[in-house]
Protein backbone atom coordinates (compact mmCIF):
# COMPACT_ATOMS: atom_id res chain seq x y z
CA MET A 1 0.03 0.00 -0.23
CA LYS A 2 1.44 3.31 -0.83
CA GLN A 3 0.61 6.15 1.75
CA ILE A 4 1.23 9.61 0.68
CA GLN A 5 0.29 12.57 2.88
CA ILE A 6 0.83 16.26 1.32
CA GLU A 7 1.22 19.06 4.33
CA CYS A 8 1.52 22.66 2.90
CA ASP A 9 2.31 25.94 4.87
CA PRO A 10 -1.10 27.86 4.50
CA SER A 11 0.73 31.31 4.18
CA TYR A 12 1.66 30.02 0.43
CA ASN A 13 -0.80 28.78 -2.54
CA CYS A 14 -0.56 25.15 -2.00
CA PRO A 15 -0.82 22.73 -5.30
CA ASP A 16 -3.98 20.09 -5.02
CA ILE A 17 -3.26 17.17 -3.17
CA LYS A 18 -4.42 14.72 -5.68
CA TYR A 19 -2.15 15.70 -8.04
CA CYS A 20 0.94 15.74 -5.79
CA LYS A 21 0.10 12.22 -4.73
CA THR A 22 0.21 11.02 -8.34
CA ILE A 23 3.06 12.14 -9.23
CA VAL A 24 4.27 10.82 -6.44
CA THR A 25 2.68 7.31 -6.83
CA THR A 26 3.61 7.15 -10.87
CA VAL A 27 7.48 7.24 -10.18
CA LEU A 28 6.93 4.97 -7.25
CA THR A 29 4.81 2.35 -9.16
CA GLN A 30 7.31 3.06 -12.19
CA ASP A 31 10.06 2.10 -9.64
CA GLU A 32 7.88 -1.02 -8.88
CA VAL A 33 7.36 -0.02 -5.36
CA LYS A 34 4.62 -2.11 -3.86
CA ASN A 35 4.21 -0.40 -0.24
CA ALA A 36 5.62 3.27 0.85
CA ASN A 37 5.01 6.13 3.49
CA ILE A 38 5.93 9.44 2.22
CA ASN A 39 5.57 12.86 3.74
CA VAL A 40 5.48 15.80 0.70
CA ILE A 41 5.70 19.34 2.99
CA PHE A 42 5.82 22.52 1.20
CA GLY A 43 6.60 25.02 2.87
CA SER A 44 9.10 28.12 3.26
CA ASP A 45 13.06 28.64 2.57
CA LYS A 46 14.14 29.24 6.15
CA LEU A 47 12.41 26.16 6.63
CA ILE A 48 14.26 24.16 3.97
CA SER A 49 17.41 25.96 4.32
CA ASP A 50 17.23 25.47 8.52
CA LEU A 51 16.54 21.87 7.48
CA LYS A 52 20.12 21.80 5.14
CA LYS A 53 21.97 23.51 7.96
CA GLN A 54 20.95 21.11 10.63
CA TYR A 55 21.13 17.44 8.49
CA PHE A 56 23.62 18.67 6.13
CA GLN A 57 25.60 20.95 8.01
CA VAL A 58 25.63 23.31 4.63
CA ASP A 59 24.09 26.95 4.56
CA GLN A 60 22.60 27.43 1.54
CA TRP A 61 19.08 27.84 0.05
CA THR A 62 17.98 24.46 -1.78
CA ASP A 63 14.68 23.48 -3.51
CA VAL A 64 13.75 20.16 -2.20
CA ILE A 65 15.51 17.99 0.27
CA ALA A 66 14.46 14.11 0.79
CA PHE A 67 15.09 12.13 3.64
CA ARG A 68 14.56 8.61 3.94
CA LEU A 69 13.73 7.78 7.28
CA ASN A 70 14.55 3.73 6.95
CA GLU A 71 17.28 1.97 5.11
CA TYR A 72 17.62 1.95 1.57
CA ASP A 73 17.62 -1.91 1.54
CA GLN A 74 14.24 -2.40 2.70
CA SER A 75 11.72 -2.68 -0.05
CA GLU A 76 9.17 -0.42 2.07
CA VAL A 77 10.05 3.47 1.19
CA GLU A 78 9.63 6.05 4.04
CA GLY A 79 10.84 9.24 3.63
CA GLU A 80 9.83 12.83 3.86
CA ILE A 81 10.39 15.47 0.83
CA TYR A 82 10.75 19.01 1.62
CA ILE A 83 10.01 21.64 -1.34
CA SER A 84 10.52 24.98 -0.85
CA LEU A 85 7.92 27.11 -2.97
CA PRO A 86 9.29 30.56 -2.96
CA THR A 87 12.72 29.13 -4.38
CA ALA A 88 10.54 27.01 -6.51
CA ARG A 89 8.73 30.04 -8.00
CA ILE A 90 12.69 32.12 -8.48
CA SER A 91 13.91 28.92 -10.48
CA ALA A 92 11.20 28.49 -12.57
CA LYS A 93 11.37 31.96 -13.91
CA GLU A 94 15.15 31.44 -13.97
CA TYR A 95 14.77 28.36 -15.92
CA ASN A 96 12.21 29.99 -17.98
CA GLU A 97 9.82 27.13 -16.96
CA PRO A 98 6.25 26.93 -15.56
CA TYR A 99 6.18 27.36 -12.13
CA GLU A 100 3.57 24.51 -12.02
CA ARG A 101 6.37 22.25 -14.23
CA GLU A 102 9.10 23.09 -11.76
CA VAL A 103 6.89 22.19 -8.34
CA ALA A 104 6.21 18.60 -10.04
CA ARG A 105 9.83 18.48 -11.22
CA LEU A 106 10.76 18.87 -7.50
CA ILE A 107 8.45 16.41 -6.25
CA ILE A 108 9.50 13.89 -8.58
CA HIS A 109 13.47 14.58 -8.04
CA GLY A 110 12.65 14.14 -3.86
CA THR A 111 10.92 11.03 -4.83
CA LEU A 112 13.72 9.56 -7.00
CA HIS A 113 16.11 10.34 -4.03
CA LEU A 114 13.74 8.38 -1.66
CA LEU A 115 14.63 5.21 -4.02
CA GLY A 116 18.02 5.70 -3.75
CA TYR A 117 18.61 7.92 -7.01
CA LYS A 118 21.88 10.18 -6.62
CA ASP A 119 22.75 13.32 -8.54
CA GLU A 120 26.23 14.17 -6.61
CA LEU A 121 28.16 13.51 -10.15
CA GLU A 122 27.71 14.43 -13.16
CA SER A 123 26.64 11.28 -14.97
CA ASP A 124 24.10 10.50 -11.95
CA LYS A 125 23.03 14.11 -12.52
CA GLN A 126 22.07 13.56 -16.11
CA LYS A 127 20.55 10.59 -15.33
CA MET A 128 18.27 12.26 -13.19
CA THR A 129 17.01 14.53 -15.18
CA ALA A 130 16.44 12.55 -17.80
CA MET A 131 13.91 10.70 -15.50
CA GLU A 132 12.33 13.97 -14.20
CA GLU A 133 12.07 14.69 -17.84
CA TYR A 134 10.35 11.50 -18.29
CA TYR A 135 8.32 11.32 -15.33
CA LEU A 136 7.36 15.43 -16.20
CA GLY A 137 5.93 13.93 -19.61
CA GLU A 138 4.02 11.70 -17.34
CA ALA A 139 2.35 13.83 -15.24
CA ASN A 140 -0.59 15.89 -15.92
CA TRP A 141 1.49 19.46 -14.23
CA LYS A 142 -0.20 21.64 -15.48
CA GLU A 143 -3.16 20.89 -13.41
CA LEU A 144 -1.35 21.31 -9.75
CA PHE A 145 -2.51 24.73 -9.12
CA GLY A 146 -5.80 23.86 -10.34
CA THR A 147 -4.98 25.90 -13.51
């Protein structure tokens, strides 16, 4: 069973819960994950930055952080994905992408990290980017904010 919870800081225009869950479920299903318990939390730059400092000892703004809460060799995926909506909006403008598409990409990116995909090396980053593009093609990201 796949349990996906979505939480959002109410001071932001929050994405549609149903579409967020569909995006995560699509990635999990394609990767043949049958059991998962994942929380996706949309919040502020400060929240994500504080988490980055606390858990990665890095003082920088970032758009997404994912925490796997159980071991990667376990078949069930337990984890949390934190996404900064303000940084997503800035990145969307920077990359000339629709905001909805950028938020969907971050959901996908965080989910891939929970599955064990990495992006430190350039070759790994290229693989993740290709996977993100594939899943963006599968996702109905235009509906993320009810537009």
